[in-house]
Amino acid sequence: MSQPKTIQNAHLPIWLPRLALHGGPRFLQIADALQAAVADGSLKAGDRLPPQRQLAAQLGVDLTTITRAYDEARRRNLLEGRGARGTYVAAPKVELTSILDLSMNTPPPPDGVDFDDMLKQGLSQVLMRADSELLMTYHLAGGSDSDRHAGAKWLEPMFDHLDSRQVVVCPGAQAAIAALILALTKPGDIILAEPMSYPGLRAAATQFGRHLIAVQADKHGMVPEMLEKACRQHKPGLVYLNPTLQNPTAITMPIRRRRELASIAQRCKVRIVEDDPYLLLADAPPPPIASLAPEQVYYISTLSKCLTPGLRVAFVLIRDPQERERFLVALRSFALMVAPLTAALATQWIFDGSAGGLMEGVRKEARLRHRMARDILAGRYCGAGDGLHVWLELPAYWNSLQLARAAASEGIAVTPAEAFATGSESVNAIRISLGNIKDRGRLQAGLQRLSHLLARRPESFSAAVV
């Protein structure tokens, strides 16, 4: 078998191979060689690497290739910069926590998407096209024209063409929920929600002196007859719904149920906050309730669950201009604006297609993780096969708080049903989040440990006392 052609370079550092012409990107060949040298001891922690220009000249490549190789090696925790003293091999990174966190709903890292490169490219485009002073100053709440146009584009899969003036840009869905409560209700008002709902709703309602009342739900979501009864009895200020891959139950409300609830909202003249963070991760979801009763429903779509929480960007659809202004006044009372730099980055990604590519990667990875959860948790799995979480009903010999404590003692964090309760109804279940653990192998290990724990009766579990 013939040997691969190589680029001939004399006087190379002993840890570097000769670069193969057909061995893949050169910067990755260099980073891989660094990693191999650290692994076999050819390079040790504290060893100084050649300056980038010197190494580029030795290898016969451009400086950018070496810069990318060193950046990649830093990303792998192989190198550390020490300012003017140069670049050194980093000490091994010590994992200080063994907790497997299955409690936080965050998007999983998509396979095949170089997020670091995407972030650098996106910020480079933003800085090249925008005035840096504008990115570092105060902006009016609600977003720039460009940001609102990006929001309208993001919402196109749900609503087709939208007037961007109806879109408000917010610093996350939690801020949007809080501002809607402030703008549309007054202290003492009732907010109706399902028995298991997003904890941020309860936190905001309690903080603002509003009262949550749970409305019965079934396997399709909130029960229409019970909503109508509660509307006539309590005269609520708002109804809160999360109809697609509901947090925490993972239920997706079918179109018939959505139509029934929209009709009741119109008859009873009650407004709905439709919090829909997971719709774009769902497989062929029904249309939003906001498309069925546009004058009654305020629609929230966040980038935190489809892309990354660090953007802190959500889009709110409010069609009435007067209510939109009331919402902005409420929002400005506690959150003046979205950080302009992250808003500009989100806008750049939406318009150049990066957001769509990242979301597709998150969607594929989430489905792989659901298949893993289904296989490991067997008959206990209760999920839709997509989204970020699983709702796990527990065997009678465990209760949710007890199971959460037992899991924590074994290094696994899960969320008990009590964290989501809006009323007194007791549900014996936990939510398992599948995206927060980056490594798929560690997620698999966590799910297997949880499955073994579920199979044991609590009598066989004894927590250590220290």
Protein backbone atom coordinates (compact mmCIF):
# COMPACT_ATOMS: atom_id res chain seq x y z
CA MET A 1 0.00 0.00 0.00
CA SER A 2 1.42 3.39 -0.98
CA GLN A 3 2.15 5.88 1.79
CA PRO A 4 0.14 9.15 1.87
CA LYS A 5 1.90 12.12 0.37
CA THR A 6 3.21 14.55 2.94
CA ILE A 7 4.42 18.11 3.03
CA GLN A 8 8.17 17.90 3.62
CA ASN A 9 9.43 20.12 6.46
CA ALA A 10 12.77 19.84 8.22
CA HIS A 11 13.48 20.70 11.85
CA LEU A 12 9.95 20.07 13.06
CA PRO A 13 9.25 19.80 16.80
CA ILE A 14 9.31 16.10 17.66
CA TRP A 15 5.60 16.08 18.60
CA LEU A 16 4.44 17.19 15.15
CA PRO A 17 3.80 14.73 12.33
CA ARG A 18 4.43 15.71 8.77
CA LEU A 19 1.20 17.16 7.40
CA ALA A 20 -0.60 14.86 5.00
CA LEU A 21 -1.94 16.48 1.84
CA HIS A 22 -5.15 14.49 2.13
CA GLY A 23 -5.30 14.16 5.89
CA GLY A 24 -8.08 16.65 6.48
CA PRO A 25 -7.88 20.31 7.54
CA ARG A 26 -4.31 21.17 8.49
CA PHE A 27 -5.29 23.02 11.65
CA LEU A 28 -7.03 19.86 12.90
CA GLN A 29 -3.99 17.72 12.03
CA ILE A 30 -1.86 20.02 14.17
CA ALA A 31 -4.38 20.05 17.05
CA ASP A 32 -4.67 16.24 16.88
CA ALA A 33 -0.89 15.94 17.02
CA LEU A 34 -0.81 18.18 20.09
CA GLN A 35 -3.44 16.04 21.77
CA ALA A 36 -1.58 12.82 20.96
CA ALA A 37 1.70 14.27 22.27
CA VAL A 38 0.06 15.29 25.55
CA ALA A 39 -1.51 11.85 25.86
CA ASP A 40 1.77 9.95 25.30
CA GLY A 41 3.87 12.29 27.41
CA SER A 42 5.90 13.84 24.59
CA LEU A 43 4.49 17.16 25.78
CA LYS A 44 4.01 17.78 29.47
CA ALA A 45 2.12 20.41 31.45
CA GLY A 46 4.17 23.62 31.47
CA ASP A 47 6.05 22.95 28.22
CA ARG A 48 6.29 26.08 26.08
CA LEU A 49 5.11 25.83 22.48
CA PRO A 50 6.82 27.57 19.58
CA PRO A 51 5.55 31.05 18.68
CA GLN A 52 2.82 30.85 16.05
CA ARG A 53 4.80 32.63 13.32
CA GLN A 54 7.80 30.38 13.88
CA LEU A 55 5.70 27.22 13.69
CA ALA A 56 3.90 28.48 10.57
CA ALA A 57 7.27 29.03 8.87
CA GLN A 58 8.52 25.57 9.91
CA LEU A 59 5.40 23.86 8.57
CA GLY A 60 5.05 25.99 5.48
CA VAL A 61 1.50 27.04 6.29
CA ASP A 62 -0.08 30.43 6.85
CA LEU A 63 -0.37 32.04 10.26
CA THR A 64 -4.17 31.63 10.29
CA THR A 65 -3.80 27.85 10.18
CA ILE A 66 -1.60 27.86 13.29
CA THR A 67 -3.92 30.31 15.06
CA ARG A 68 -6.89 28.03 14.38
CA ALA A 69 -4.88 24.98 15.52
CA TYR A 70 -3.95 26.67 18.81
CA ASP A 71 -7.55 27.86 19.30
CA GLU A 72 -8.80 24.31 18.75
CA ALA A 73 -6.23 22.98 21.22
CA ARG A 74 -7.36 25.56 23.79
CA ARG A 75 -10.95 24.47 23.23
CA ARG A 76 -9.83 20.93 24.10
CA ASN A 77 -8.19 22.31 27.27
CA LEU A 78 -4.72 21.37 26.00
CA LEU A 79 -3.15 24.83 25.96
CA GLU A 80 -3.15 28.03 27.96
CA GLY A 81 -1.91 31.48 27.04
CA ARG A 82 0.37 33.37 29.43
CA GLY A 83 0.39 36.78 27.77
CA ALA A 84 3.76 37.92 26.46
CA ARG A 85 5.42 34.78 27.82
CA GLY A 86 3.77 32.67 25.14
CA THR A 87 1.60 29.55 24.94
CA TYR A 88 2.08 26.56 27.22
CA VAL A 89 0.71 23.06 27.63
CA ALA A 90 -2.09 23.28 30.19
CA ALA A 91 -2.30 21.20 33.32
CA PRO A 92 -4.94 18.45 33.12
CA LYS A 93 -8.42 19.77 33.78
CA VAL A 94 -9.87 18.34 36.98
CA GLU A 95 -13.59 17.64 37.02
CA LEU A 96 -14.65 19.09 40.38
CA THR A 97 -18.19 17.78 40.30
CA SER A 98 -19.56 14.34 39.58
CA ILE A 99 -23.17 15.53 39.43
CA LEU A 100 -25.05 14.41 36.34
CA ASP A 101 -27.53 17.24 35.90
CA LEU A 102 -30.83 15.99 34.50
CA SER A 103 -32.73 18.92 36.04
CA MET A 104 -32.14 21.84 33.64
CA ASN A 105 -33.90 22.19 30.29
CA THR A 106 -31.19 23.38 27.91
CA PRO A 107 -30.59 22.48 24.25
CA PRO A 108 -28.15 19.60 23.77
CA PRO A 109 -24.90 20.32 21.88
CA PRO A 110 -25.60 19.34 18.26
CA ASP A 111 -23.29 16.81 16.65
CA GLY A 112 -21.32 18.18 13.71
CA VAL A 113 -21.91 21.86 14.54
CA ASP A 114 -18.77 23.79 15.47
CA PHE A 115 -20.41 26.20 17.90
CA ASP A 116 -17.15 28.01 18.69
CA ASP A 117 -16.55 28.74 15.02
CA MET A 118 -20.20 29.73 14.53
CA LEU A 119 -19.97 32.16 17.44
CA LYS A 120 -16.74 33.70 16.16
CA GLN A 121 -18.07 34.04 12.62
CA GLY A 122 -21.35 35.53 13.80
CA LEU A 123 -19.69 38.09 16.06
CA SER A 124 -17.21 38.94 13.31
CA GLN A 125 -20.09 39.68 10.93
CA VAL A 126 -21.89 41.76 13.57
CA LEU A 127 -18.80 43.83 14.34
CA MET A 128 -18.02 44.29 10.66
CA ARG A 129 -21.52 45.55 9.79
CA ALA A 130 -22.55 47.42 12.94
CA ASP A 131 -21.29 50.52 14.67
CA SER A 132 -19.55 49.24 17.82
CA GLU A 133 -20.71 52.31 19.74
CA LEU A 134 -24.33 51.42 19.00
CA LEU A 135 -23.72 47.92 20.34
CA MET A 136 -22.53 49.33 23.66
CA THR A 137 -25.16 51.95 24.43
CA TYR A 138 -28.78 52.13 25.62
CA HIS A 139 -31.55 51.11 23.24
CA LEU A 140 -35.29 51.52 23.46
CA ALA A 141 -37.10 48.42 24.72
CA GLY A 142 -38.68 46.22 22.08
CA GLY A 143 -35.76 45.84 19.70
CA SER A 144 -34.44 47.64 16.65
CA ASP A 145 -36.17 47.45 13.27
CA SER A 146 -33.68 44.78 12.19
CA ASP A 147 -34.23 42.74 15.35
CA ARG A 148 -38.03 42.87 14.94
CA HIS A 149 -37.72 41.84 11.29
CA ALA A 150 -35.58 38.92 12.45
CA GLY A 151 -38.28 38.06 14.99
CA ALA A 152 -40.94 38.09 12.27
CA LYS A 153 -38.76 35.76 10.18
CA TRP A 154 -38.24 33.44 13.16
CA LEU A 155 -42.01 33.26 13.68
CA GLU A 156 -42.77 32.57 9.99
CA PRO A 157 -43.03 28.76 10.46
CA MET A 158 -45.87 29.38 12.92
CA PHE A 159 -47.67 32.33 11.34
CA ASP A 160 -46.48 32.77 7.73
CA HIS A 161 -46.09 36.47 6.97
CA LEU A 162 -46.13 38.82 9.96
CA ASP A 163 -45.98 42.56 10.34
CA SER A 164 -42.70 43.08 12.19
CA ARG A 165 -44.25 46.02 14.06
CA GLN A 166 -46.31 43.45 15.99
CA VAL A 167 -43.16 41.69 17.24
CA VAL A 168 -41.45 42.77 20.46
CA VAL A 169 -37.89 41.63 21.29
CA CYS A 170 -37.41 40.71 24.96
CA PRO A 171 -34.51 39.58 27.17
CA GLY A 172 -35.84 36.03 27.48
CA ALA A 173 -39.24 34.38 27.92
CA GLN A 174 -39.28 34.85 31.70
CA ALA A 175 -39.07 38.63 31.24
CA ALA A 176 -41.86 38.44 28.65
CA ILE A 177 -44.13 36.48 31.00
CA ALA A 178 -43.48 38.91 33.84
CA ALA A 179 -44.16 41.96 31.64
CA LEU A 180 -47.42 40.45 30.34
CA ILE A 181 -48.59 39.81 33.90
CA LEU A 182 -47.80 43.41 34.86
CA ALA A 183 -49.36 44.89 31.73
CA LEU A 184 -52.55 42.83 31.56
CA THR A 185 -53.49 42.16 35.19
CA LYS A 186 -53.61 44.00 38.50
CA PRO A 187 -52.73 42.91 42.03
CA GLY A 188 -55.14 40.29 43.33
CA ASP A 189 -56.14 39.07 39.85
CA ILE A 190 -56.44 35.37 39.07
CA ILE A 191 -54.21 33.58 36.53
CA LEU A 192 -55.38 30.16 35.36
CA ALA A 193 -52.88 27.45 34.45
CA GLU A 194 -52.62 23.69 34.21
CA PRO A 195 -51.91 21.77 37.45
CA MET A 196 -48.31 21.19 36.32
CA SER A 197 -46.81 24.36 34.78
CA TYR A 198 -43.57 26.23 34.21
CA PRO A 199 -42.18 27.29 37.64
CA GLY A 200 -41.26 30.75 36.35
CA LEU A 201 -44.96 31.54 36.01
CA ARG A 202 -45.58 30.83 39.69
CA ALA A 203 -42.53 32.87 40.69
CA ALA A 204 -43.65 35.93 38.71
CA ALA A 205 -47.29 35.67 39.79
CA THR A 206 -46.34 35.40 43.45
CA GLN A 207 -43.89 38.28 43.23
CA PHE A 208 -46.51 40.57 41.68
CA GLY A 209 -49.35 39.62 44.03
CA ARG A 210 -51.41 37.63 41.53
CA HIS A 211 -53.04 34.31 42.40
CA LEU A 212 -52.58 31.09 40.43
CA ILE A 213 -55.47 28.64 40.18
CA ALA A 214 -55.03 25.24 38.57
CA VAL A 215 -57.49 24.05 35.92
CA GLN A 216 -57.85 20.31 35.44
CA ALA A 217 -55.88 18.76 32.59
CA ASP A 218 -56.00 15.37 30.88
CA LYS A 219 -53.77 13.59 28.37
CA HIS A 220 -54.52 16.35 25.80
CA GLY A 221 -53.89 19.31 28.10
CA MET A 222 -56.26 21.72 29.83
CA VAL A 223 -59.85 20.45 29.83
CA PRO A 224 -62.13 22.90 27.94
CA GLU A 225 -65.19 22.44 30.14
CA MET A 226 -63.13 23.08 33.26
CA LEU A 227 -61.57 26.19 31.73
CA GLU A 228 -64.98 27.63 30.88
CA LYS A 229 -66.23 26.90 34.38
CA ALA A 230 -63.13 28.52 35.94
CA CYS A 231 -63.47 31.59 33.68
CA ARG A 232 -67.06 32.16 34.74
CA GLN A 233 -66.30 31.51 38.40
CA HIS A 234 -63.03 33.44 38.84
CA LYS A 235 -63.08 36.10 36.07
CA PRO A 236 -59.32 35.58 35.49
CA GLY A 237 -56.97 38.23 34.20
CA LEU A 238 -55.02 35.69 32.14
CA VAL A 239 -54.82 32.05 31.15
CA TYR A 240 -51.31 30.61 30.79
CA LEU A 241 -50.74 27.72 28.35
CA ASN A 242 -47.66 25.87 27.09
CA PRO A 243 -49.38 23.70 24.49
CA THR A 244 -46.45 22.09 22.64
CA LEU A 245 -44.20 19.58 24.44
CA GLN A 246 -45.54 21.05 27.65
CA ASN A 247 -43.15 21.69 30.49
CA PRO A 248 -43.08 19.40 32.42
CA THR A 249 -45.52 16.75 31.10
CA ALA A 250 -44.24 16.74 27.46
CA ILE A 251 -47.87 16.70 26.22
CA THR A 252 -48.58 18.33 22.86
CA MET A 253 -52.14 19.62 22.73
CA PRO A 254 -53.98 18.39 19.58
CA ILE A 255 -55.56 20.86 17.17
CA ARG A 256 -59.12 20.10 18.29
CA ARG A 257 -58.30 20.94 21.91
CA ARG A 258 -56.56 24.15 20.81
CA ARG A 259 -59.65 25.23 18.86
CA GLU A 260 -61.90 24.52 21.85
CA LEU A 261 -59.74 26.57 24.21
CA ALA A 262 -59.47 29.42 21.70
CA SER A 263 -63.26 29.46 21.34
CA ILE A 264 -63.74 29.60 25.12
CA ALA A 265 -61.24 32.47 25.39
CA GLN A 266 -63.24 34.41 22.80
CA ARG A 267 -66.60 33.69 24.43
CA CYS A 268 -65.40 34.53 27.92
CA LYS A 269 -63.28 37.48 26.73
CA VAL A 270 -60.23 36.17 28.56
CA ARG A 271 -56.68 36.60 27.30
CA ILE A 272 -54.22 33.74 26.86
CA VAL A 273 -50.45 33.84 27.23
CA GLU A 274 -49.18 31.10 24.90
CA ASP A 275 -45.64 30.24 25.96
CA ASP A 276 -44.26 28.07 23.14
CA PRO A 277 -40.51 27.49 23.60
CA TYR A 278 -40.42 23.96 22.18
CA LEU A 279 -42.65 24.17 19.09
CA LEU A 280 -39.75 24.34 16.62
CA LEU A 281 -38.28 21.17 18.14
CA ALA A 282 -41.52 19.21 17.73
CA ASP A 283 -42.35 16.84 14.90
CA ALA A 284 -45.26 18.33 12.86
CA PRO A 285 -46.91 20.26 15.73
CA PRO A 286 -50.41 21.76 15.38
CA PRO A 287 -50.63 25.50 14.70
CA PRO A 288 -50.35 27.85 17.68
CA ILE A 289 -53.49 28.88 19.54
CA ALA A 290 -52.49 32.46 18.63
CA SER A 291 -53.22 31.67 14.99
CA LEU A 292 -56.75 30.52 15.94
CA ALA A 293 -57.66 33.48 18.17
CA PRO A 294 -55.19 36.22 17.23
CA GLU A 295 -56.95 38.98 19.20
CA GLN A 296 -57.05 36.94 22.42
CA VAL A 297 -53.59 35.38 22.53
CA TYR A 298 -50.10 36.76 23.25
CA TYR A 299 -47.48 34.46 21.78
CA ILE A 300 -43.94 33.95 23.16
CA SER A 301 -41.13 32.18 21.32
CA THR A 302 -37.66 32.07 22.89
CA LEU A 303 -34.30 31.16 21.39
CA SER A 304 -33.12 29.71 24.71
CA LYS A 305 -34.60 26.25 24.14
CA CYS A 306 -33.92 25.91 20.40
CA LEU A 307 -30.47 27.54 20.13
CA THR A 308 -28.70 28.58 23.33
CA PRO A 309 -29.76 30.23 26.61
CA GLY A 310 -26.85 32.67 26.44
CA LEU A 311 -28.54 34.77 23.74
CA ARG A 312 -31.31 35.81 26.18
CA VAL A 313 -33.62 36.71 23.30
CA ALA A 314 -37.34 36.00 23.00
CA PHE A 315 -39.95 37.28 20.55
CA VAL A 316 -43.44 38.24 21.67
CA LEU A 317 -46.31 38.66 19.20
CA ILE A 318 -48.75 41.37 20.36
CA ARG A 319 -51.10 42.52 17.63
CA ASP A 320 -52.88 45.43 19.34
CA PRO A 321 -50.68 48.59 19.32
CA GLN A 322 -52.07 49.96 22.59
CA GLU A 323 -51.49 46.69 24.43
CA ARG A 324 -48.04 46.51 22.87
CA GLU A 325 -47.22 49.90 24.36
CA ARG A 326 -48.54 48.85 27.77
CA PHE A 327 -46.36 45.77 27.54
CA LEU A 328 -43.28 47.86 26.73
CA VAL A 329 -43.95 50.17 29.67
CA ALA A 330 -44.18 47.14 31.97
CA LEU A 331 -41.02 45.60 30.48
CA ARG A 332 -39.03 48.81 30.92
CA SER A 333 -39.84 48.82 34.64
CA PHE A 334 -37.42 45.94 35.23
CA ALA A 335 -35.59 45.14 31.97
CA LEU A 336 -34.72 48.15 29.85
CA MET A 337 -33.57 46.22 26.80
CA VAL A 338 -32.05 43.09 25.35
CA ALA A 339 -28.26 43.37 25.39
CA PRO A 340 -27.63 44.93 21.94
CA LEU A 341 -24.67 42.66 21.12
CA THR A 342 -26.57 39.41 21.73
CA ALA A 343 -29.66 40.77 19.96
CA ALA A 344 -27.50 41.66 16.95
CA LEU A 345 -25.93 38.19 17.02
CA ALA A 346 -29.35 36.52 17.11
CA THR A 347 -30.48 38.71 14.20
CA GLN A 348 -27.33 37.87 12.21
CA TRP A 349 -27.81 34.13 12.76
CA ILE A 350 -31.49 34.24 11.81
CA PHE A 351 -30.85 36.11 8.56
CA ASP A 352 -27.73 34.19 7.47
CA GLY A 353 -29.27 30.78 8.18
CA SER A 354 -26.97 29.84 11.08
CA ALA A 355 -29.90 29.78 13.52
CA GLY A 356 -31.80 27.33 11.33
CA GLY A 357 -28.77 25.07 10.99
CA LEU A 358 -28.09 25.11 14.72
CA MET A 359 -31.75 24.42 15.51
CA GLU A 360 -31.81 21.47 13.12
CA GLY A 361 -28.72 20.08 14.85
CA VAL A 362 -30.36 20.52 18.27
CA ARG A 363 -33.52 18.81 16.99
CA LYS A 364 -31.58 15.78 15.68
CA GLU A 365 -29.52 15.45 18.84
CA ALA A 366 -32.62 15.74 21.03
CA ARG A 367 -34.29 12.91 19.14
CA LEU A 368 -31.22 10.69 19.51
CA ARG A 369 -31.31 11.33 23.24
CA HIS A 370 -35.00 10.53 23.45
CA ARG A 371 -34.37 7.20 21.76
CA MET A 372 -31.67 6.51 24.32
CA ALA A 373 -34.03 7.42 27.18
CA ARG A 374 -36.79 5.25 25.72
CA ASP A 375 -34.45 2.24 25.52
CA ILE A 376 -33.03 2.65 29.01
CA LEU A 377 -36.19 3.63 30.87
CA ALA A 378 -38.29 1.07 28.99
CA GLY A 379 -41.94 1.05 30.13
CA ARG A 380 -41.47 4.07 32.37
CA TYR A 381 -40.58 6.46 29.51
CA CYS A 382 -43.26 9.07 28.83
CA GLY A 383 -42.17 11.46 26.11
CA ALA A 384 -43.01 12.53 22.61
CA GLY A 385 -39.68 11.51 21.09
CA ASP A 386 -38.58 15.11 20.66
CA GLY A 387 -38.09 18.23 22.77
CA LEU A 388 -35.77 18.52 25.75
CA HIS A 389 -37.38 16.54 28.56
CA VAL A 390 -39.15 13.38 29.68
CA TRP A 391 -41.96 13.21 32.27
CA LEU A 392 -41.43 10.06 34.29
CA GLU A 393 -44.31 8.71 36.36
CA LEU A 394 -42.94 6.83 39.35
CA PRO A 395 -43.80 3.40 40.73
CA ALA A 396 -46.00 3.54 43.81
CA TYR A 397 -43.16 2.60 46.16
CA TRP A 398 -41.35 5.89 45.38
CA ASN A 399 -42.62 9.43 45.83
CA SER A 400 -41.11 12.23 43.78
CA LEU A 401 -39.33 14.13 46.56
CA GLN A 402 -37.94 10.91 48.00
CA LEU A 403 -36.71 9.80 44.58
CA ALA A 404 -35.10 13.18 43.88
CA ARG A 405 -33.21 12.99 47.20
CA ALA A 406 -32.09 9.43 46.55
CA ALA A 407 -30.94 10.36 43.04
CA ALA A 408 -29.00 13.34 44.40
CA SER A 409 -27.17 11.08 46.84
CA GLU A 410 -26.02 9.06 43.83
CA GLY A 411 -24.86 12.12 41.92
CA ILE A 412 -27.93 12.67 39.70
CA ALA A 413 -30.05 15.82 39.73
CA VAL A 414 -33.70 15.52 38.64
CA THR A 415 -36.73 17.76 39.21
CA PRO A 416 -39.67 16.47 41.30
CA ALA A 417 -43.27 17.21 40.34
CA GLU A 418 -43.67 19.56 43.32
CA ALA A 419 -41.51 22.16 41.53
CA PHE A 420 -44.21 22.52 38.84
CA ALA A 421 -47.39 22.37 40.93
CA THR A 422 -49.76 25.33 40.58
CA GLY A 423 -52.36 23.90 42.95
CA SER A 424 -52.76 21.27 45.63
CA GLU A 425 -53.02 18.32 43.22
CA SER A 426 -50.39 15.68 43.95
CA VAL A 427 -48.58 14.03 41.01
CA ASN A 428 -46.02 11.31 41.58
CA ALA A 429 -43.51 12.04 38.82
CA ILE A 430 -40.18 13.65 37.99
CA ARG A 431 -38.95 15.60 35.00
CA ILE A 432 -35.75 14.39 33.35
CA SER A 433 -33.95 16.90 31.13
CA LEU A 434 -31.88 15.36 28.35
CA GLY A 435 -29.88 18.29 27.00
CA ASN A 436 -27.80 19.67 29.86
CA ILE A 437 -25.16 16.91 29.90
CA LYS A 438 -22.93 17.59 26.92
CA ASP A 439 -21.44 14.13 26.52
CA ARG A 440 -23.87 11.50 25.30
CA GLY A 441 -21.97 8.74 27.11
CA ARG A 442 -22.32 10.53 30.46
CA LEU A 443 -26.03 11.02 29.79
CA GLN A 444 -26.39 7.31 29.09
CA ALA A 445 -24.59 6.48 32.34
CA GLY A 446 -26.87 8.85 34.27
CA LEU A 447 -30.03 7.37 32.79
CA GLN A 448 -28.83 3.84 33.54
CA ARG A 449 -28.07 4.74 37.16
CA LEU A 450 -31.50 6.34 37.44
CA SER A 451 -33.16 3.24 35.96
CA HIS A 452 -31.40 1.01 38.50
CA LEU A 453 -32.48 3.33 41.30
CA LEU A 454 -36.11 3.21 40.14
CA ALA A 455 -36.02 -0.57 40.19
CA ARG A 456 -35.01 -0.59 43.85
CA ARG A 457 -37.47 -0.01 46.65
CA PRO A 458 -36.69 2.87 48.98
CA GLU A 459 -36.26 0.40 51.87
CA SER A 460 -33.05 -0.78 50.24
CA PHE A 461 -31.77 2.79 50.02
CA SER A 462 -30.00 4.33 52.99
CA ALA A 463 -28.43 7.76 52.72
CA ALA A 464 -25.03 8.35 54.26
CA VAL A 465 -25.04 10.61 57.32
CA VAL A 466 -22.02 12.87 57.77
